[in-house]
Amino acid sequence: MYKGQRKQAQKYHQEEFRIPFVIYKKGERISQTGYGYKLNKIAKGLGLVYAPSAKDRDILGDRLTSTSFTLIMPQQNGLLISSDTLIKIDEPRLISDGFFDVIEVLPDIQNGRYMKLLVNRTKQGNKFEVVEDE
């Protein structure tokens, strides 16, 4: 298979990745009574965001809301994404941009160069303090 055929066979194309996102890891709590956390930036990039498909809706189940999205991002070696990870999506074209909880991380079976994340808008979006890079 030559390079042109391989590019045509890919499920996603690079020009589709237009939505900026930043991945944060929850750090220490801001207050003892609240749910606020300090956030440490671990990665950023461009992704593909769309409404969950029927298969994704089955996984989300009762957590499915109008603020649930599927995020496709390029695979990054050494990056561990779990339910403690938050994703900030800054896109005014989306109905609700802001901080999102990671509900499920699914590897892309057909093309291992991408990762599929099911995300839902977090309920505590205004209680985060972002730690700036040094």
N, C-alpha and C. Protein backbone atom coordinates (compact mmCIF):
# COMPACT_ATOMS: atom_id res chain seq x y z
N MET A 1 0.85 -1.17 0.00
CA MET A 1 0.00 0.00 0.00
C MET A 1 0.89 1.23 0.00
N TYR A 2 0.73 2.09 -0.98
CA TYR A 2 1.54 3.30 -1.04
C TYR A 2 0.87 4.42 -0.23
N LYS A 3 1.59 5.50 -0.05
CA LYS A 3 1.17 6.57 0.87
C LYS A 3 -0.21 7.15 0.52
N GLY A 4 -0.49 7.34 -0.75
CA GLY A 4 -1.78 7.90 -1.16
C GLY A 4 -2.95 7.01 -0.79
N GLN A 5 -2.80 5.71 -0.96
CA GLN A 5 -3.85 4.77 -0.58
C GLN A 5 -4.05 4.74 0.92
N ARG A 6 -2.95 4.80 1.67
CA ARG A 6 -3.06 4.77 3.12
C ARG A 6 -3.81 6.00 3.63
N LYS A 7 -3.54 7.17 3.06
CA LYS A 7 -4.25 8.38 3.49
C LYS A 7 -5.73 8.29 3.17
N GLN A 8 -6.09 7.72 2.02
CA GLN A 8 -7.50 7.58 1.67
C GLN A 8 -8.21 6.59 2.57
N ALA A 9 -7.49 5.59 3.09
CA ALA A 9 -8.09 4.56 3.92
C ALA A 9 -8.27 5.02 5.37
N GLN A 10 -7.65 6.14 5.76
CA GLN A 10 -7.78 6.60 7.14
C GLN A 10 -9.21 7.05 7.41
N LYS A 11 -9.64 6.81 8.63
CA LYS A 11 -10.99 7.17 9.03
C LYS A 11 -11.13 8.68 9.23
N TYR A 12 -10.10 9.31 9.77
CA TYR A 12 -10.11 10.75 10.04
C TYR A 12 -9.02 11.42 9.22
N HIS A 13 -9.25 12.66 8.87
CA HIS A 13 -8.27 13.43 8.13
C HIS A 13 -7.85 14.63 8.97
N GLN A 14 -6.61 15.02 8.84
CA GLN A 14 -6.02 16.04 9.70
C GLN A 14 -6.77 17.37 9.63
N GLU A 15 -7.34 17.72 8.49
CA GLU A 15 -8.04 19.00 8.38
C GLU A 15 -9.36 19.03 9.17
N GLU A 16 -9.83 17.87 9.64
CA GLU A 16 -11.05 17.82 10.45
C GLU A 16 -10.79 18.21 11.90
N PHE A 17 -9.55 18.19 12.34
CA PHE A 17 -9.21 18.48 13.73
C PHE A 17 -9.04 19.98 13.91
N ARG A 18 -10.14 20.64 14.31
CA ARG A 18 -10.15 22.11 14.39
C ARG A 18 -10.47 22.65 15.77
N ILE A 19 -10.97 21.84 16.67
CA ILE A 19 -11.44 22.32 17.97
C ILE A 19 -10.28 22.29 18.97
N PRO A 20 -9.90 23.46 19.52
CA PRO A 20 -8.80 23.46 20.50
C PRO A 20 -9.26 22.92 21.85
N PHE A 21 -8.39 22.12 22.47
CA PHE A 21 -8.68 21.58 23.79
C PHE A 21 -7.41 21.59 24.62
N VAL A 22 -7.58 21.59 25.94
CA VAL A 22 -6.47 21.50 26.89
C VAL A 22 -6.84 20.43 27.90
N ILE A 23 -5.90 19.55 28.21
CA ILE A 23 -6.13 18.47 29.17
C ILE A 23 -5.46 18.84 30.48
N TYR A 24 -6.24 18.74 31.56
CA TYR A 24 -5.75 19.07 32.90
C TYR A 24 -5.86 17.84 33.81
N LYS A 25 -4.96 17.76 34.75
CA LYS A 25 -5.00 16.75 35.81
C LYS A 25 -5.40 17.45 37.09
N LYS A 26 -6.36 16.87 37.83
CA LYS A 26 -6.78 17.46 39.09
C LYS A 26 -5.65 17.39 40.10
N GLY A 27 -5.39 18.52 40.75
CA GLY A 27 -4.37 18.57 41.79
C GLY A 27 -5.01 18.61 43.15
N GLU A 28 -4.43 19.42 44.03
CA GLU A 28 -4.95 19.51 45.40
C GLU A 28 -6.24 20.32 45.44
N ARG A 29 -7.00 20.11 46.50
CA ARG A 29 -8.26 20.84 46.68
C ARG A 29 -7.98 22.30 47.05
N ILE A 30 -8.86 23.17 46.60
CA ILE A 30 -8.74 24.59 46.92
C ILE A 30 -9.29 24.87 48.31
N SER A 31 -10.42 24.27 48.64
CA SER A 31 -11.02 24.48 49.96
C SER A 31 -11.43 23.13 50.55
N GLN A 32 -11.56 23.08 51.85
CA GLN A 32 -11.94 21.85 52.53
C GLN A 32 -13.43 21.54 52.36
N THR A 33 -14.25 22.57 52.21
CA THR A 33 -15.69 22.35 52.13
C THR A 33 -16.19 22.17 50.71
N GLY A 34 -15.50 22.74 49.74
CA GLY A 34 -15.98 22.69 48.36
C GLY A 34 -15.34 21.59 47.56
N TYR A 35 -15.73 21.53 46.30
CA TYR A 35 -15.19 20.54 45.39
C TYR A 35 -14.18 21.15 44.43
N GLY A 36 -13.72 22.35 44.73
CA GLY A 36 -12.78 23.02 43.85
C GLY A 36 -11.41 22.39 43.88
N TYR A 37 -10.73 22.39 42.73
CA TYR A 37 -9.41 21.79 42.61
C TYR A 37 -8.48 22.73 41.86
N LYS A 38 -7.19 22.60 42.12
CA LYS A 38 -6.19 23.21 41.27
C LYS A 38 -5.96 22.28 40.10
N LEU A 39 -5.82 22.86 38.93
CA LEU A 39 -5.65 22.06 37.73
C LEU A 39 -4.25 22.26 37.15
N ASN A 40 -3.59 21.16 36.82
CA ASN A 40 -2.27 21.20 36.21
C ASN A 40 -2.40 20.79 34.75
N LYS A 41 -1.91 21.64 33.85
CA LYS A 41 -2.00 21.37 32.42
C LYS A 41 -1.01 20.26 32.05
N ILE A 42 -1.52 19.24 31.34
CA ILE A 42 -0.63 18.15 30.93
C ILE A 42 -0.50 18.03 29.41
N ALA A 43 -1.47 18.56 28.64
CA ALA A 43 -1.37 18.48 27.19
C ALA A 43 -2.38 19.44 26.56
N LYS A 44 -2.15 19.76 25.31
CA LYS A 44 -3.12 20.54 24.55
C LYS A 44 -3.01 20.15 23.09
N GLY A 45 -4.02 20.49 22.32
CA GLY A 45 -4.00 20.13 20.91
C GLY A 45 -5.30 20.49 20.22
N LEU A 46 -5.48 19.94 19.04
CA LEU A 46 -6.69 20.14 18.25
C LEU A 46 -7.39 18.80 18.11
N GLY A 47 -8.71 18.80 18.22
CA GLY A 47 -9.47 17.57 18.15
C GLY A 47 -10.70 17.72 17.28
N LEU A 48 -11.39 16.63 17.13
CA LEU A 48 -12.65 16.56 16.40
C LEU A 48 -13.75 16.30 17.41
N VAL A 49 -14.74 17.18 17.49
CA VAL A 49 -15.82 17.07 18.47
C VAL A 49 -17.14 16.92 17.72
N TYR A 50 -17.95 15.95 18.16
CA TYR A 50 -19.27 15.78 17.56
C TYR A 50 -20.21 15.18 18.60
N ALA A 51 -21.49 15.20 18.30
CA ALA A 51 -22.50 14.62 19.20
C ALA A 51 -22.30 13.11 19.26
N PRO A 52 -22.56 12.49 20.41
CA PRO A 52 -22.33 11.04 20.54
C PRO A 52 -23.17 10.23 19.56
N SER A 53 -22.54 9.19 19.01
CA SER A 53 -23.25 8.29 18.11
C SER A 53 -24.13 7.35 18.93
N ALA A 54 -24.89 6.51 18.25
CA ALA A 54 -25.78 5.57 18.95
C ALA A 54 -24.97 4.62 19.84
N LYS A 55 -23.82 4.17 19.37
CA LYS A 55 -22.96 3.29 20.17
C LYS A 55 -22.44 4.03 21.41
N ASP A 56 -22.08 5.30 21.24
CA ASP A 56 -21.60 6.10 22.37
C ASP A 56 -22.72 6.39 23.36
N ARG A 57 -23.94 6.56 22.87
CA ARG A 57 -25.08 6.80 23.77
C ARG A 57 -25.33 5.61 24.68
N ASP A 58 -25.11 4.41 24.16
CA ASP A 58 -25.27 3.21 24.99
C ASP A 58 -24.26 3.19 26.13
N ILE A 59 -23.04 3.63 25.86
CA ILE A 59 -22.01 3.68 26.90
C ILE A 59 -22.32 4.76 27.92
N LEU A 60 -22.77 5.93 27.45
CA LEU A 60 -23.07 7.03 28.37
C LEU A 60 -24.28 6.71 29.24
N GLY A 61 -25.27 6.04 28.70
CA GLY A 61 -26.45 5.64 29.47
C GLY A 61 -27.18 6.82 30.07
N ASP A 62 -27.42 6.79 31.38
CA ASP A 62 -28.20 7.84 32.04
C ASP A 62 -27.39 9.12 32.22
N ARG A 63 -26.09 9.09 31.93
CA ARG A 63 -25.28 10.31 32.02
C ARG A 63 -25.37 11.16 30.76
N LEU A 64 -26.06 10.67 29.74
CA LEU A 64 -26.19 11.39 28.48
C LEU A 64 -27.02 12.65 28.67
N THR A 65 -26.48 13.77 28.32
CA THR A 65 -27.20 15.04 28.37
C THR A 65 -26.94 15.79 27.07
N SER A 66 -27.51 16.97 26.97
CA SER A 66 -27.27 17.79 25.78
C SER A 66 -25.85 18.34 25.76
N THR A 67 -25.12 18.22 26.86
CA THR A 67 -23.74 18.71 26.93
C THR A 67 -22.72 17.58 26.87
N SER A 68 -23.12 16.42 26.37
CA SER A 68 -22.19 15.30 26.19
C SER A 68 -21.65 15.35 24.76
N PHE A 69 -20.35 15.08 24.63
CA PHE A 69 -19.72 15.10 23.32
C PHE A 69 -18.79 13.91 23.19
N THR A 70 -18.44 13.59 21.94
CA THR A 70 -17.38 12.65 21.65
C THR A 70 -16.21 13.46 21.12
N LEU A 71 -15.04 13.27 21.71
CA LEU A 71 -13.82 13.98 21.31
C LEU A 71 -12.84 12.97 20.74
N ILE A 72 -12.42 13.19 19.50
CA ILE A 72 -11.38 12.37 18.88
C ILE A 72 -10.11 13.20 18.89
N MET A 73 -9.05 12.62 19.45
CA MET A 73 -7.78 13.34 19.52
C MET A 73 -6.65 12.41 19.08
N PRO A 74 -5.56 12.98 18.57
CA PRO A 74 -4.42 12.15 18.20
C PRO A 74 -3.83 11.46 19.43
N GLN A 75 -3.39 10.23 19.26
CA GLN A 75 -2.77 9.46 20.33
C GLN A 75 -1.46 10.12 20.71
N GLN A 76 -1.21 10.24 22.02
CA GLN A 76 0.04 10.81 22.50
C GLN A 76 0.70 9.81 23.44
N ASN A 77 1.92 9.44 23.14
CA ASN A 77 2.64 8.47 23.97
C ASN A 77 2.91 9.06 25.34
N GLY A 78 2.75 8.28 26.36
CA GLY A 78 3.05 8.71 27.72
C GLY A 78 1.94 9.51 28.38
N LEU A 79 0.84 9.75 27.69
CA LEU A 79 -0.27 10.52 28.24
C LEU A 79 -1.31 9.55 28.78
N LEU A 80 -1.56 9.62 30.09
CA LEU A 80 -2.53 8.74 30.73
C LEU A 80 -3.79 9.55 31.04
N ILE A 81 -4.88 9.19 30.43
CA ILE A 81 -6.15 9.89 30.63
C ILE A 81 -7.07 8.96 31.41
N SER A 82 -7.62 9.49 32.52
CA SER A 82 -8.53 8.72 33.36
C SER A 82 -9.71 9.59 33.75
N SER A 83 -10.53 9.11 34.67
CA SER A 83 -11.70 9.88 35.10
C SER A 83 -11.30 11.08 35.96
N ASP A 84 -10.06 11.15 36.44
CA ASP A 84 -9.58 12.32 37.18
C ASP A 84 -9.14 13.44 36.24
N THR A 85 -9.17 13.19 34.97
CA THR A 85 -8.72 14.15 33.99
C THR A 85 -9.89 15.05 33.57
N LEU A 86 -9.60 16.34 33.41
CA LEU A 86 -10.58 17.29 32.90
C LEU A 86 -10.10 17.84 31.57
N ILE A 87 -11.05 18.13 30.71
CA ILE A 87 -10.72 18.70 29.40
C ILE A 87 -11.45 20.03 29.27
N LYS A 88 -10.70 21.05 28.86
CA LYS A 88 -11.31 22.36 28.63
C LYS A 88 -11.41 22.55 27.13
N ILE A 89 -12.62 22.79 26.67
CA ILE A 89 -12.87 23.02 25.25
C ILE A 89 -13.33 24.47 25.11
N ASP A 90 -12.58 25.24 24.35
CA ASP A 90 -12.92 26.65 24.11
C ASP A 90 -13.36 26.81 22.67
N GLU A 91 -14.62 26.62 22.45
CA GLU A 91 -15.16 26.76 21.10
C GLU A 91 -16.53 27.41 21.18
N PRO A 92 -16.63 28.67 20.78
CA PRO A 92 -17.93 29.36 20.89
C PRO A 92 -19.03 28.76 20.03
N ARG A 93 -18.68 27.98 19.01
CA ARG A 93 -19.71 27.37 18.16
C ARG A 93 -20.41 26.22 18.85
N LEU A 94 -19.79 25.64 19.89
CA LEU A 94 -20.45 24.58 20.64
C LEU A 94 -21.47 25.20 21.59
N ILE A 95 -22.51 24.46 21.91
CA ILE A 95 -23.55 24.97 22.79
C ILE A 95 -22.99 25.29 24.16
N SER A 96 -22.15 24.44 24.68
CA SER A 96 -21.58 24.69 26.00
C SER A 96 -20.10 24.37 25.96
N ASP A 97 -19.29 25.41 25.93
CA ASP A 97 -17.86 25.18 26.04
C ASP A 97 -17.47 25.31 27.50
N GLY A 98 -16.28 24.91 27.85
CA GLY A 98 -15.83 24.97 29.23
C GLY A 98 -15.16 23.67 29.64
N PHE A 99 -15.28 23.31 30.92
CA PHE A 99 -14.64 22.12 31.46
C PHE A 99 -15.55 20.90 31.32
N PHE A 100 -14.93 19.77 30.94
CA PHE A 100 -15.66 18.53 30.74
C PHE A 100 -15.00 17.40 31.51
N ASP A 101 -15.83 16.55 32.14
CA ASP A 101 -15.35 15.34 32.78
C ASP A 101 -15.19 14.25 31.73
N VAL A 102 -14.15 13.44 31.87
CA VAL A 102 -13.97 12.30 30.98
C VAL A 102 -14.78 11.14 31.54
N ILE A 103 -15.74 10.66 30.78
CA ILE A 103 -16.60 9.56 31.20
C ILE A 103 -15.97 8.22 30.80
N GLU A 104 -15.49 8.14 29.58
CA GLU A 104 -14.96 6.88 29.07
C GLU A 104 -13.85 7.17 28.07
N VAL A 105 -12.79 6.38 28.10
CA VAL A 105 -11.69 6.46 27.14
C VAL A 105 -11.73 5.19 26.31
N LEU A 106 -11.90 5.36 25.01
CA LEU A 106 -11.99 4.20 24.11
C LEU A 106 -10.87 4.28 23.07
N PRO A 107 -10.08 3.22 22.92
CA PRO A 107 -9.07 3.24 21.86
C PRO A 107 -9.75 3.11 20.51
N ASP A 108 -9.18 3.74 19.51
CA ASP A 108 -9.72 3.64 18.16
C ASP A 108 -9.15 2.36 17.55
N ILE A 109 -10.00 1.36 17.43
CA ILE A 109 -9.57 0.04 16.97
C ILE A 109 -9.12 0.07 15.51
N GLN A 110 -9.86 0.79 14.67
CA GLN A 110 -9.57 0.79 13.24
C GLN A 110 -8.27 1.49 12.92
N ASN A 111 -7.98 2.55 13.64
CA ASN A 111 -6.77 3.31 13.37
C ASN A 111 -6.18 3.69 14.71
N GLY A 112 -5.13 3.03 15.14
CA GLY A 112 -4.57 3.20 16.46
C GLY A 112 -3.89 4.53 16.72
N ARG A 113 -3.92 5.44 15.77
CA ARG A 113 -3.26 6.73 15.96
C ARG A 113 -4.16 7.75 16.65
N TYR A 114 -5.40 7.37 16.95
CA TYR A 114 -6.34 8.30 17.56
C TYR A 114 -6.95 7.70 18.82
N MET A 115 -7.45 8.57 19.68
CA MET A 115 -8.10 8.16 20.91
C MET A 115 -9.48 8.80 20.94
N LYS A 116 -10.46 8.05 21.40
CA LYS A 116 -11.84 8.53 21.46
C LYS A 116 -12.22 8.71 22.92
N LEU A 117 -12.67 9.92 23.28
CA LEU A 117 -13.07 10.23 24.64
C LEU A 117 -14.53 10.62 24.66
N LEU A 118 -15.29 10.05 25.59
CA LEU A 118 -16.67 10.48 25.82
C LEU A 118 -16.63 11.45 26.99
N VAL A 119 -17.07 12.67 26.76
CA VAL A 119 -16.99 13.72 27.78
C VAL A 119 -18.36 14.31 28.06
N ASN A 120 -18.52 14.82 29.28
CA ASN A 120 -19.76 15.44 29.71
C ASN A 120 -19.40 16.71 30.48
N ARG A 121 -20.15 17.76 30.28
CA ARG A 121 -19.85 19.02 30.96
C ARG A 121 -19.88 18.83 32.46
N THR A 122 -18.86 19.35 33.14
CA THR A 122 -18.76 19.19 34.58
C THR A 122 -19.71 20.14 35.29
N LYS A 123 -20.18 19.74 36.44
CA LYS A 123 -21.11 20.55 37.22
C LYS A 123 -20.39 21.61 38.04
N GLN A 124 -19.06 21.49 38.19
CA GLN A 124 -18.33 22.40 39.06
C GLN A 124 -17.33 23.24 38.26
N GLY A 125 -17.73 23.69 37.09
CA GLY A 125 -16.83 24.39 36.19
C GLY A 125 -16.26 25.69 36.72
N ASN A 126 -16.94 26.37 37.61
CA ASN A 126 -16.42 27.65 38.09
C ASN A 126 -15.56 27.49 39.34
N LYS A 127 -15.30 26.28 39.78
CA LYS A 127 -14.56 26.06 41.02
C LYS A 127 -13.17 25.50 40.75
N PHE A 128 -12.58 25.85 39.63
CA PHE A 128 -11.26 25.37 39.29
C PHE A 128 -10.28 26.53 39.24
N GLU A 129 -9.07 26.26 39.67
CA GLU A 129 -8.00 27.24 39.61
C GLU A 129 -6.89 26.63 38.75
N VAL A 130 -6.63 27.24 37.61
CA VAL A 130 -5.65 26.69 36.67
C VAL A 130 -4.27 27.16 37.09
N VAL A 131 -3.34 26.20 37.23
CA VAL A 131 -1.95 26.49 37.55
C VAL A 131 -1.23 26.77 36.24
N GLU A 132 -0.66 27.95 36.11
CA GLU A 132 0.01 28.34 34.88
C GLU A 132 1.35 27.62 34.72
N ASP A 133 1.78 27.46 33.48
CA ASP A 133 3.08 26.85 33.21
C ASP A 133 4.20 27.78 33.69
N GLU A 134 5.29 27.18 34.10
CA GLU A 134 6.44 27.98 34.57
C GLU A 134 7.56 27.91 33.58
